[in-house]
Amino acid sequence: MAAKSTKMELIKQILKLRDAGFSIKAMGRHTGLSRNTIRKYLQRFKGQPLKDISPGELSVLAYNGDTTDYKGERFSRLTDHLRYAETQLSRTGVTRQLLWTEYKQGQPEGYNYSQYCYHFNEFLRHKEVVMHIDHKAAETIMIDFAGKRPCYIDLQTGEQIRCQLFVSVLPHSGLIYCKAVDSQNTYDFTGCINTMLKFYGGTPKTILCDNLRTAVTRPSRYEPVFTEACDQLSDHYGTVFTATRPYKPRDKAMVEKSVNIIYNHVLGPLRNHLFYSLQALNEAILQALEALNRRPYKGSAYSRRQLFEQHEQHLLGSLPAEPFTPKKTIQATVQRNYHVQLSEDHHYYSVPYQYAGKKVKVLYDGDTVEIYHEHNRIALHNRTDRHKAYHTQPGHMPSNHQHTLEVKGWTREDMLQKALLIGECTYRAVEYILSSSIYPEQNFKSCYGMLMLQKQYGTTRLEAACKRATGGTRVNYTMIKNILQKGLDAQGEIFNAPPLPRHDNIRGAGHYK
């Protein structure tokens, strides 16, 4: 192992004691250094008074031996080798022993293995400096799944079931949350996000995760692609998912540290406890977690929970009324009848007719069906298991289809009510038309057409036309339309002609008995 260099303050003290006339033995008592070490430094300075030596000369004269970090040409060659060795150390099968062997083959006069490892560690230590980051309150929640997994016992089989441990932290206050789940699949992942945000009581601006498959479909240093579940979670909670750079765990160093804290303060104390369900395990975890979050930081009067309540809680976004429910997603083409087929149950759901022929995205669960076109929701339906296959909203239909649906849905009372709003004669005309058939529904279309004449001729003329028509023996849509077209409504009632005189050529009712 390479010898550690003596601190500059001790070297200066040796020179001060020498200039003051102290012996080597006395110098050793004052500095705690061995007499050989003191002789070595006195030899290097060769009687030069300390006041005559500049700081730069003092450093050169003090650190120029073979037992310090300054090794001249041999050390320079080692440094060049270590730059190469750093790039090789991460490769499969490459060890420091192998790298040192290759180094010695090229430089037989080089350092032995212990000194080689010492200088290698120093080289890496100086390269791996880190930056302190001040995290803004309520800005980011960091999440991760721990490597070490807790377990519980299945009562039926006696099998030990290993769980996944979800961990999250708010970096500003350090408030930690964790939960045991069966797996990292989409259902468990979204459940963790729901309970995590409920635990914090709000939503941050961003949620930072690593590149786990449940969250990220295509890792990237600059533009990662997230799963559909993350996109749905973002929309539901009004937040944004971000991912660390691949193979850069320090991007979420706070949650990496929180995982170790959970190991020490949650899993450690629970190591000798047996749990017989996932629920029981999570209840114990939550109890230990609450104690951890309320424990003051070392050397501080404040706990994670206190810092969170004072500085972060009020800055979090509000939670929606309902937790997020995972939805299935399909891509579909809107049919010509402006409906989308959900092949899972062979039901059809309408969209505005303008989207016929367009590609849309359908999100659905057991309760609702949402239809999106270019990230804009264009339709929302309640999903039911009724036998009717078509679910159509009238607002999605073109105007002529809406009229057809409106007429189809009318009753006798609806028709008479609309006619009465126009006038008494119109009411009698509609009543006559509806009564002219055994089934009134057969004449709904005729009544509807007659009532629509008011849009062209006005209610006053329609009332007059109906008054003229009801004075005759027949009333129908065509007759009233002809009266209005020819302006006969302005002539009043039809003239009542006198009855024909009686004569012998007319057979009475008795003739047919």
Protein backbone atom coordinates (compact mmCIF):
# COMPACT_ATOMS: atom_id res chain seq x y z
CA MET A 1 0.00 0.00 0.00
CA ALA A 2 1.32 3.45 -0.91
CA ALA A 3 2.36 5.53 2.10
CA LYS A 4 0.12 8.41 3.08
CA SER A 5 1.68 11.84 2.79
CA THR A 6 2.16 13.93 5.93
CA LYS A 7 -0.09 16.95 6.31
CA MET A 8 1.46 20.25 5.33
CA GLU A 9 0.64 21.72 8.76
CA LEU A 10 2.82 19.08 10.46
CA ILE A 11 5.69 19.72 8.07
CA LYS A 12 5.52 23.42 8.84
CA GLN A 13 5.47 22.61 12.55
CA ILE A 14 8.63 20.46 12.16
CA LEU A 15 10.45 23.35 10.50
CA LYS A 16 9.29 25.80 13.17
CA LEU A 17 10.52 23.49 15.93
CA ARG A 18 13.83 22.97 14.13
CA ASP A 19 14.34 26.74 13.75
CA ALA A 20 13.53 27.09 17.46
CA GLY A 21 16.30 24.61 18.37
CA PHE A 22 14.21 21.59 19.36
CA SER A 23 15.74 18.11 19.09
CA ILE A 24 14.32 15.38 16.86
CA LYS A 25 13.02 13.52 19.90
CA ALA A 26 11.26 16.65 21.15
CA MET A 27 9.80 17.24 17.67
CA GLY A 28 8.38 13.73 17.77
CA ARG A 29 6.67 14.39 21.10
CA HIS A 30 5.06 17.59 19.78
CA THR A 31 3.98 16.30 16.35
CA GLY A 32 3.31 12.63 17.00
CA LEU A 33 5.54 11.66 14.04
CA SER A 34 8.27 9.06 14.12
CA ARG A 35 11.88 10.22 14.35
CA ASN A 36 12.65 8.63 10.95
CA THR A 37 9.82 10.61 9.34
CA ILE A 38 11.11 13.82 10.93
CA ARG A 39 14.69 13.09 9.75
CA LYS A 40 13.36 12.50 6.21
CA TYR A 41 11.70 15.93 6.03
CA LEU A 42 14.65 17.69 7.65
CA GLN A 43 16.93 16.13 5.05
CA ARG A 44 14.76 17.43 2.24
CA PHE A 45 14.86 21.01 3.45
CA LYS A 46 18.62 20.88 4.24
CA GLY A 47 18.61 23.60 6.90
CA GLN A 48 16.59 26.16 4.91
CA PRO A 49 14.68 28.46 7.32
CA LEU A 50 10.90 28.27 6.96
CA LYS A 51 10.61 32.03 6.44
CA ASP A 52 12.80 31.76 3.31
CA ILE A 53 10.66 29.04 1.64
CA SER A 54 7.66 30.03 -0.53
CA PRO A 55 4.44 27.93 -0.38
CA GLY A 56 5.14 26.51 -3.84
CA GLU A 57 8.73 25.50 -2.93
CA LEU A 58 7.47 24.03 0.34
CA SER A 59 5.03 21.76 -1.53
CA VAL A 60 7.64 20.62 -4.08
CA LEU A 61 10.29 19.89 -1.43
CA ALA A 62 7.79 18.18 0.88
CA TYR A 63 6.09 15.92 -1.69
CA ASN A 64 8.79 14.64 -4.02
CA GLY A 65 9.63 11.26 -2.49
CA ASP A 66 8.62 7.79 -3.58
CA THR A 67 6.18 7.40 -0.71
CA THR A 68 3.84 10.23 -1.83
CA ASP A 69 1.29 10.61 -4.61
CA TYR A 70 3.78 12.46 -6.83
CA LYS A 71 5.77 9.76 -8.60
CA GLY A 72 7.27 11.48 -11.55
CA GLU A 73 7.46 9.61 -14.89
CA ARG A 74 6.41 6.26 -13.42
CA PHE A 75 3.27 7.79 -11.94
CA SER A 76 2.54 9.61 -15.20
CA ARG A 77 2.61 6.31 -17.10
CA LEU A 78 0.30 4.77 -14.48
CA THR A 79 -2.17 7.64 -14.89
CA ASP A 80 -2.29 7.04 -18.65
CA HIS A 81 -2.96 3.37 -18.01
CA LEU A 82 -5.73 4.13 -15.48
CA ARG A 83 -7.63 6.20 -18.05
CA TYR A 84 -7.68 3.12 -20.27
CA ALA A 85 -8.44 0.76 -17.35
CA GLU A 86 -11.49 2.80 -16.32
CA THR A 87 -13.14 2.12 -19.70
CA GLN A 88 -12.40 -1.63 -19.44
CA LEU A 89 -13.48 -2.23 -15.87
CA SER A 90 -17.22 -2.37 -16.71
CA ARG A 91 -16.73 -5.09 -19.36
CA THR A 92 -17.67 -8.69 -18.59
CA GLY A 93 -14.85 -10.69 -17.03
CA VAL A 94 -12.51 -7.74 -16.53
CA THR A 95 -11.12 -7.39 -12.99
CA ARG A 96 -8.51 -5.16 -11.40
CA GLN A 97 -6.21 -8.18 -11.07
CA LEU A 98 -6.38 -8.72 -14.84
CA LEU A 99 -5.79 -5.05 -15.59
CA TRP A 100 -2.82 -4.96 -13.21
CA THR A 101 -1.33 -8.06 -14.88
CA GLU A 102 -1.56 -6.39 -18.29
CA TYR A 103 -0.05 -3.22 -16.79
CA LYS A 104 2.93 -5.09 -15.35
CA GLN A 105 3.55 -6.90 -18.64
CA GLY A 106 3.93 -3.54 -20.37
CA GLN A 107 5.76 -1.84 -17.47
CA PRO A 108 7.78 -4.36 -15.40
CA GLU A 109 9.10 -1.54 -13.21
CA GLY A 110 5.55 -0.38 -12.45
CA TYR A 111 3.69 -0.41 -9.15
CA ASN A 112 2.85 -3.59 -7.28
CA TYR A 113 -0.77 -4.70 -6.93
CA SER A 114 -1.55 -3.02 -3.57
CA GLN A 115 -0.18 0.34 -4.72
CA TYR A 116 -1.91 -0.12 -8.11
CA CYS A 117 -5.32 -0.58 -6.39
CA TYR A 118 -4.70 2.39 -4.09
CA HIS A 119 -3.95 4.72 -6.99
CA PHE A 120 -6.86 3.26 -8.99
CA ASN A 121 -9.26 4.06 -6.15
CA GLU A 122 -7.87 7.58 -5.83
CA PHE A 123 -8.20 8.07 -9.59
CA LEU A 124 -11.86 7.01 -9.57
CA ARG A 125 -12.62 8.98 -6.41
CA HIS A 126 -11.49 12.23 -7.96
CA LYS A 127 -13.44 11.55 -11.15
CA GLU A 128 -16.72 10.62 -9.46
CA VAL A 129 -17.53 13.97 -7.91
CA VAL A 130 -21.23 14.74 -7.53
CA MET A 131 -23.26 17.93 -7.56
CA HIS A 132 -25.63 18.95 -4.81
CA ILE A 133 -29.11 19.73 -6.14
CA ASP A 134 -31.68 21.82 -4.29
CA HIS A 135 -35.09 20.28 -4.96
CA LYS A 136 -38.05 22.64 -5.16
CA ALA A 137 -41.00 21.91 -2.91
CA ALA A 138 -43.81 19.80 -4.45
CA GLU A 139 -42.08 19.74 -7.83
CA THR A 140 -41.10 16.07 -8.20
CA ILE A 141 -41.87 12.70 -6.69
CA MET A 142 -39.19 10.06 -7.32
CA ILE A 143 -40.30 6.43 -7.50
CA ASP A 144 -38.53 3.08 -7.68
CA PHE A 145 -38.91 -0.62 -6.96
CA ALA A 146 -36.47 -1.92 -4.33
CA GLY A 147 -34.07 -4.74 -5.12
CA LYS A 148 -34.61 -6.62 -1.85
CA ARG A 149 -38.11 -8.00 -1.53
CA PRO A 150 -40.23 -8.68 1.58
CA CYS A 151 -42.42 -11.78 1.83
CA TYR A 152 -45.52 -13.25 3.44
CA ILE A 153 -46.77 -16.81 4.02
CA ASP A 154 -49.65 -18.28 2.02
CA LEU A 155 -51.95 -19.87 4.63
CA GLN A 156 -53.33 -22.46 2.22
CA THR A 157 -50.05 -23.77 0.82
CA GLY A 158 -47.52 -22.59 3.40
CA GLU A 159 -45.48 -21.15 0.54
CA GLN A 160 -43.32 -18.08 1.08
CA ILE A 161 -44.50 -15.42 -1.39
CA ARG A 162 -41.93 -12.80 -2.39
CA CYS A 163 -43.30 -9.31 -3.07
CA GLN A 164 -42.16 -6.25 -4.95
CA LEU A 165 -41.51 -3.18 -2.80
CA PHE A 166 -42.57 0.16 -4.28
CA VAL A 167 -40.77 3.20 -2.80
CA SER A 168 -41.28 6.92 -3.40
CA VAL A 169 -39.95 10.16 -1.90
CA LEU A 170 -40.58 13.89 -2.07
CA PRO A 171 -36.96 15.13 -2.32
CA HIS A 172 -37.54 18.53 -0.73
CA SER A 173 -38.86 17.27 2.61
CA GLY A 174 -37.68 13.66 2.28
CA LEU A 175 -41.16 12.25 3.08
CA ILE A 176 -41.05 8.55 2.13
CA TYR A 177 -43.81 6.18 1.05
CA CYS A 178 -43.58 2.45 0.37
CA LYS A 179 -45.94 -0.41 -0.37
CA ALA A 180 -45.60 -4.14 -1.04
CA VAL A 181 -47.33 -5.46 -4.18
CA ASP A 182 -47.40 -8.79 -5.98
CA SER A 183 -45.66 -7.64 -9.16
CA GLN A 184 -44.56 -4.71 -11.29
CA ASN A 185 -47.31 -5.19 -13.87
CA THR A 186 -49.58 -2.38 -15.02
CA TYR A 187 -52.37 -3.14 -12.55
CA ASP A 188 -50.06 -3.11 -9.51
CA PHE A 189 -48.06 -0.13 -10.81
CA THR A 190 -51.15 2.06 -11.26
CA GLY A 191 -52.41 0.91 -7.86
CA CYS A 192 -49.13 2.08 -6.31
CA ILE A 193 -49.46 5.50 -7.95
CA ASN A 194 -53.05 5.83 -6.67
CA THR A 195 -52.18 4.98 -3.06
CA MET A 196 -48.95 7.03 -3.19
CA LEU A 197 -50.73 10.23 -4.25
CA LYS A 198 -53.46 9.59 -1.69
CA PHE A 199 -50.72 9.24 0.97
CA TYR A 200 -49.19 12.59 -0.02
CA GLY A 201 -52.63 14.19 -0.42
CA GLY A 202 -51.90 15.84 -3.77
CA THR A 203 -50.07 15.66 -7.07
CA PRO A 204 -46.60 17.02 -7.98
CA LYS A 205 -45.63 18.61 -11.28
CA THR A 206 -43.63 15.55 -12.34
CA ILE A 207 -43.16 11.90 -11.36
CA LEU A 208 -39.61 10.65 -11.99
CA CYS A 209 -39.06 6.93 -12.51
CA ASP A 210 -36.38 4.72 -13.97
CA ASN A 211 -36.80 2.82 -17.23
CA LEU A 212 -38.96 -0.05 -15.96
CA ARG A 213 -41.03 -1.75 -18.65
CA THR A 214 -44.35 -0.89 -17.04
CA ALA A 215 -43.63 2.82 -17.45
CA VAL A 216 -41.25 3.22 -20.42
CA THR A 217 -41.57 1.47 -23.77
CA ARG A 218 -38.48 3.06 -25.37
CA PRO A 219 -35.69 4.39 -23.12
CA SER A 220 -33.84 7.44 -24.34
CA ARG A 221 -31.46 9.98 -22.89
CA TYR A 222 -33.56 12.83 -24.27
CA GLU A 223 -36.97 11.56 -25.49
CA PRO A 224 -38.19 8.44 -23.66
CA VAL A 225 -41.51 6.98 -24.81
CA PHE A 226 -43.94 6.13 -22.01
CA THR A 227 -46.58 3.43 -21.86
CA GLU A 228 -50.29 4.02 -22.36
CA ALA A 229 -50.81 3.53 -18.62
CA CYS A 230 -48.46 6.45 -17.82
CA ASP A 231 -50.20 8.65 -20.39
CA GLN A 232 -53.57 7.85 -18.81
CA LEU A 233 -52.22 8.50 -15.32
CA SER A 234 -50.80 11.85 -16.45
CA ASP A 235 -54.16 12.93 -17.90
CA HIS A 236 -56.11 11.78 -14.86
CA TYR A 237 -53.91 13.42 -12.21
CA GLY A 238 -52.71 16.45 -14.19
CA THR A 239 -49.03 15.59 -13.84
CA VAL A 240 -46.19 14.47 -16.13
CA PHE A 241 -44.02 11.36 -16.08
CA THR A 242 -40.28 11.73 -16.69
CA ALA A 243 -37.56 9.07 -16.79
CA THR A 244 -33.92 8.95 -15.78
CA ARG A 245 -31.20 8.57 -18.38
CA PRO A 246 -30.43 4.91 -19.09
CA TYR A 247 -27.86 3.48 -16.64
CA LYS A 248 -27.80 6.73 -14.62
CA PRO A 249 -29.28 5.84 -11.20
CA ARG A 250 -27.90 9.06 -9.70
CA ASP A 251 -30.60 10.95 -11.62
CA LYS A 252 -32.91 9.75 -8.84
CA ALA A 253 -30.37 9.54 -6.05
CA MET A 254 -32.88 10.59 -3.37
CA VAL A 255 -35.12 7.57 -3.93
CA GLU A 256 -32.07 5.27 -4.17
CA LYS A 257 -31.06 6.53 -0.74
CA SER A 258 -34.64 6.18 0.50
CA VAL A 259 -34.61 2.51 -0.50
CA ASN A 260 -31.64 1.93 1.82
CA ILE A 261 -33.43 3.85 4.58
CA ILE A 262 -36.46 1.56 4.14
CA TYR A 263 -34.17 -1.47 4.40
CA ASN A 264 -32.72 -0.20 7.70
CA HIS A 265 -35.78 1.31 9.38
CA VAL A 266 -38.73 -0.68 8.00
CA LEU A 267 -37.70 -4.09 6.68
CA GLY A 268 -34.95 -4.55 9.27
CA PRO A 269 -37.21 -4.19 12.34
CA LEU A 270 -39.82 -6.46 10.68
CA ARG A 271 -37.37 -9.21 9.71
CA ASN A 272 -38.46 -11.62 12.47
CA HIS A 273 -42.20 -11.09 12.02
CA LEU A 274 -44.36 -13.53 10.06
CA PHE A 275 -47.18 -12.20 7.90
CA TYR A 276 -49.93 -14.34 6.42
CA SER A 277 -51.33 -11.94 3.85
CA LEU A 278 -50.20 -9.05 1.72
CA GLN A 279 -52.60 -6.77 3.57
CA ALA A 280 -51.09 -7.66 6.95
CA LEU A 281 -47.59 -7.02 5.58
CA ASN A 282 -48.58 -3.60 4.27
CA GLU A 283 -50.24 -2.63 7.54
CA ALA A 284 -46.99 -3.36 9.40
CA ILE A 285 -44.94 -1.51 6.76
CA LEU A 286 -47.21 1.55 7.00
CA GLN A 287 -46.92 1.62 10.79
CA ALA A 288 -43.11 1.45 10.69
CA LEU A 289 -43.07 4.00 7.86
CA GLU A 290 -45.10 6.49 9.84
CA ALA A 291 -42.67 6.20 12.76
CA LEU A 292 -39.77 6.78 10.35
CA ASN A 293 -41.35 9.89 8.83
CA ARG A 294 -42.03 11.36 12.27
CA ARG A 295 -38.52 10.71 13.58
CA PRO A 296 -36.42 13.93 13.58
CA TYR A 297 -33.49 14.12 11.21
CA LYS A 298 -30.11 13.54 12.84
CA GLY A 299 -28.93 16.81 14.32
CA SER A 300 -32.24 18.54 13.58
CA ALA A 301 -35.44 19.26 15.45
CA TYR A 302 -37.57 18.65 12.33
CA SER A 303 -38.89 15.38 10.93
CA ARG A 304 -39.79 14.49 7.37
CA ARG A 305 -43.47 14.78 8.22
CA GLN A 306 -43.07 18.25 9.78
CA LEU A 307 -41.09 19.60 6.81
CA PHE A 308 -43.68 18.19 4.42
CA GLU A 309 -46.63 19.72 6.26
CA GLN A 310 -44.94 23.12 6.59
CA HIS A 311 -43.34 23.53 3.16
CA GLU A 312 -44.83 21.11 0.60
CA GLN A 313 -48.33 19.92 1.35
CA HIS A 314 -50.09 23.17 0.40
CA LEU A 315 -48.15 23.38 -2.89
CA LEU A 316 -49.27 20.01 -4.23
CA GLY A 317 -52.00 19.93 -6.88
CA SER A 318 -55.48 18.78 -5.87
CA LEU A 319 -56.49 15.16 -6.38
CA PRO A 320 -59.45 14.21 -8.62
CA ALA A 321 -62.60 12.93 -6.97
CA GLU A 322 -61.98 9.33 -8.02
CA PRO A 323 -58.73 7.34 -8.17
CA PHE A 324 -57.41 6.30 -11.54
CA THR A 325 -58.79 3.09 -13.06
CA PRO A 326 -56.69 1.39 -15.75
CA LYS A 327 -58.42 1.33 -19.13
CA LYS A 328 -57.98 -0.94 -22.09
CA THR A 329 -57.05 0.73 -25.37
CA ILE A 330 -57.81 -0.10 -28.99
CA GLN A 331 -57.41 1.70 -32.30
CA ALA A 332 -60.53 1.74 -34.50
CA THR A 333 -62.01 3.31 -37.62
CA VAL A 334 -65.35 5.12 -37.37
CA GLN A 335 -67.92 3.37 -39.56
CA ARG A 336 -70.16 5.15 -42.09
CA ASN A 337 -73.00 5.07 -39.57
CA TYR A 338 -70.72 7.15 -37.25
CA HIS A 339 -70.31 4.30 -34.74
CA VAL A 340 -67.23 2.51 -33.39
CA GLN A 341 -67.34 -1.21 -32.74
CA LEU A 342 -66.08 -2.54 -29.42
CA SER A 343 -65.33 -6.08 -30.50
CA GLU A 344 -64.98 -7.36 -26.93
CA ASP A 345 -68.76 -7.28 -26.40
CA HIS A 346 -69.90 -6.55 -30.02
CA HIS A 347 -71.45 -3.23 -29.07
CA TYR A 348 -71.35 -0.04 -31.12
CA TYR A 349 -70.83 3.46 -29.71
CA SER A 350 -71.56 6.69 -31.57
CA VAL A 351 -69.27 9.64 -32.26
CA PRO A 352 -70.12 12.96 -33.97
CA TYR A 353 -70.99 12.11 -37.60
CA GLN A 354 -68.23 14.41 -38.90
CA TYR A 355 -65.65 11.78 -37.82
CA ALA A 356 -66.99 9.01 -40.05
CA GLY A 357 -64.02 7.23 -41.67
CA LYS A 358 -61.48 8.69 -39.18
CA LYS A 359 -59.00 6.71 -37.07
CA VAL A 360 -59.77 7.03 -33.36
CA LYS A 361 -58.48 5.66 -30.05
CA VAL A 362 -60.97 3.95 -27.74
CA LEU A 363 -60.31 3.75 -23.98
CA TYR A 364 -62.71 1.60 -22.00
CA ASP A 365 -63.24 -0.18 -18.71
CA GLY A 366 -66.23 -1.82 -17.06
CA ASP A 367 -68.09 1.48 -16.63
CA THR A 368 -67.23 3.91 -19.43
CA VAL A 369 -66.13 4.10 -23.06
CA GLU A 370 -64.06 7.14 -24.12
CA ILE A 371 -63.28 7.87 -27.77
CA TYR A 372 -60.40 10.18 -28.76
CA HIS A 373 -59.37 11.71 -32.06
CA GLU A 374 -55.91 13.31 -32.15
CA HIS A 375 -55.79 13.45 -28.31
CA ASN A 376 -59.19 15.21 -28.10
CA ARG A 377 -62.07 13.33 -26.52
CA ILE A 378 -65.00 13.35 -28.95
CA ALA A 379 -67.39 10.93 -27.21
CA LEU A 380 -68.10 9.48 -23.76
CA HIS A 381 -70.54 6.62 -23.15
CA ASN A 382 -71.64 4.61 -20.15
CA ARG A 383 -70.80 0.98 -20.81
CA THR A 384 -73.65 -1.45 -20.12
CA ASP A 385 -74.26 -5.13 -20.72
CA ARG A 386 -77.77 -4.65 -22.12
CA HIS A 387 -78.67 -6.58 -25.26
CA LYS A 388 -79.09 -3.48 -27.40
CA ALA A 389 -75.99 -3.35 -29.54
CA TYR A 390 -76.10 0.33 -30.63
CA HIS A 391 -75.49 3.17 -28.19
CA THR A 392 -76.32 6.41 -30.00
CA GLN A 393 -76.36 9.92 -28.61
CA PRO A 394 -78.75 12.24 -30.53
CA GLY A 395 -76.16 15.04 -30.54
CA HIS A 396 -73.85 12.86 -32.66
CA MET A 397 -76.44 12.56 -35.47
CA PRO A 398 -76.85 14.87 -38.49
CA SER A 399 -79.98 17.04 -38.41
CA ASN A 400 -82.05 14.89 -40.76
CA HIS A 401 -81.30 11.80 -38.66
CA GLN A 402 -82.24 13.68 -35.51
CA HIS A 403 -85.64 14.54 -37.03
CA THR A 404 -86.23 10.92 -37.89
CA LEU A 405 -85.35 9.87 -34.36
CA GLU A 406 -87.50 12.65 -32.93
CA VAL A 407 -90.59 11.59 -34.91
CA LYS A 408 -89.95 7.95 -34.06
CA GLY A 409 -89.96 8.76 -30.39
CA TRP A 410 -93.15 10.86 -30.33
CA THR A 411 -96.46 9.76 -28.75
CA ARG A 412 -100.08 10.82 -29.43
CA GLU A 413 -99.93 13.21 -26.47
CA ASP A 414 -96.70 14.80 -27.82
CA MET A 415 -98.35 15.51 -31.18
CA LEU A 416 -101.50 16.99 -29.67
CA GLN A 417 -99.49 19.13 -27.25
CA LYS A 418 -97.40 20.62 -30.08
CA ALA A 419 -100.54 21.25 -32.15
CA LEU A 420 -102.29 23.02 -29.26
CA LEU A 421 -99.39 25.47 -29.04
CA ILE A 422 -100.28 26.62 -32.57
CA GLY A 423 -104.06 26.84 -32.19
CA GLU A 424 -107.37 25.13 -31.59
CA CYS A 425 -107.99 24.37 -35.27
CA THR A 426 -104.56 22.83 -35.66
CA TYR A 427 -105.28 20.70 -32.59
CA ARG A 428 -108.53 19.44 -34.21
CA ALA A 429 -106.73 18.76 -37.48
CA VAL A 430 -104.04 16.64 -35.76
CA GLU A 431 -106.68 14.85 -33.71
CA TYR A 432 -108.60 14.05 -36.91
CA ILE A 433 -105.49 12.75 -38.70
CA LEU A 434 -104.48 10.55 -35.75
CA SER A 435 -108.02 9.17 -35.50
CA SER A 436 -108.19 8.27 -39.18
CA SER A 437 -106.23 5.04 -38.57
CA ILE A 438 -106.59 2.15 -36.16
CA TYR A 439 -102.92 2.64 -35.23
CA PRO A 440 -102.17 6.37 -34.56
CA GLU A 441 -98.43 5.76 -34.94
CA GLN A 442 -98.99 5.24 -38.66
CA ASN A 443 -100.00 8.90 -39.04
CA PHE A 444 -97.21 10.43 -36.85
CA LYS A 445 -95.15 11.27 -39.92
CA SER A 446 -98.13 13.00 -41.58
CA CYS A 447 -98.80 15.03 -38.43
CA TYR A 448 -95.15 15.94 -38.08
CA GLY A 449 -95.02 17.13 -41.71
CA MET A 450 -98.12 19.25 -41.21
CA LEU A 451 -96.74 20.85 -38.05
CA MET A 452 -93.47 21.63 -39.84
CA LEU A 453 -95.38 23.77 -42.38
CA GLN A 454 -95.32 26.53 -39.75
CA LYS A 455 -91.61 27.06 -40.47
CA GLN A 456 -92.45 28.00 -44.08
CA TYR A 457 -95.84 29.70 -43.72
CA GLY A 458 -96.02 30.74 -40.08
CA THR A 459 -98.38 29.68 -37.30
CA THR A 460 -101.14 32.14 -38.23
CA ARG A 461 -101.56 30.84 -41.78
CA LEU A 462 -101.26 27.21 -40.64
CA GLU A 463 -104.05 27.78 -38.09
CA ALA A 464 -106.21 29.37 -40.82
CA ALA A 465 -105.53 26.51 -43.23
CA CYS A 466 -106.47 23.95 -40.58
CA LYS A 467 -109.69 25.89 -39.87
CA ARG A 468 -110.62 25.76 -43.55
CA ALA A 469 -109.69 22.07 -43.85
CA THR A 470 -111.64 20.97 -40.78
CA GLY A 471 -114.78 22.45 -42.35
CA GLY A 472 -114.68 19.75 -45.01
CA THR A 473 -115.08 15.99 -44.89
CA ARG A 474 -111.38 15.03 -44.96
CA VAL A 475 -108.23 16.35 -43.34
CA ASN A 476 -104.67 15.32 -44.25
CA TYR A 477 -101.18 16.75 -44.80
CA THR A 478 -101.54 17.13 -48.57
CA MET A 479 -104.83 19.04 -48.31
CA ILE A 480 -103.45 21.54 -45.81
CA LYS A 481 -100.27 22.00 -47.85
CA ASN A 482 -102.34 22.71 -51.00
CA ILE A 483 -104.46 25.25 -49.13
CA LEU A 484 -101.33 27.11 -48.06
CA GLN A 485 -99.65 26.91 -51.48
CA LYS A 486 -102.72 28.30 -53.26
CA GLY A 487 -103.48 30.93 -50.62
CA LEU A 488 -106.91 29.49 -49.89
CA ASP A 489 -106.37 30.01 -46.18
CA ALA A 490 -107.09 33.71 -46.75
CA GLN A 491 -110.63 32.96 -48.11
CA GLY A 492 -112.02 31.72 -44.82
CA GLU A 493 -114.31 28.71 -44.41
CA ILE A 494 -115.70 26.70 -47.33
CA PHE A 495 -119.13 27.94 -48.43
CA ASN A 496 -121.89 25.70 -47.03
CA ALA A 497 -124.13 24.81 -50.07
CA PRO A 498 -127.87 24.16 -49.42
CA PRO A 499 -128.98 20.51 -49.30
CA LEU A 500 -130.45 18.92 -52.44
CA PRO A 501 -134.25 18.90 -52.67
CA ARG A 502 -136.03 15.57 -52.06
CA HIS A 503 -137.43 13.74 -55.16
CA ASP A 504 -138.64 10.27 -56.10
CA ASN A 505 -135.35 9.10 -57.65
CA ILE A 506 -133.56 9.03 -54.31
CA ARG A 507 -133.68 5.69 -52.56
CA GLY A 508 -133.81 5.79 -48.83
CA ALA A 509 -132.23 3.60 -46.23
CA GLY A 510 -135.18 1.25 -46.32
CA HIS A 511 -134.30 0.25 -49.87
CA TYR A 512 -131.28 -1.74 -48.60
CA LYS A 513 -133.11 -3.68 -45.91
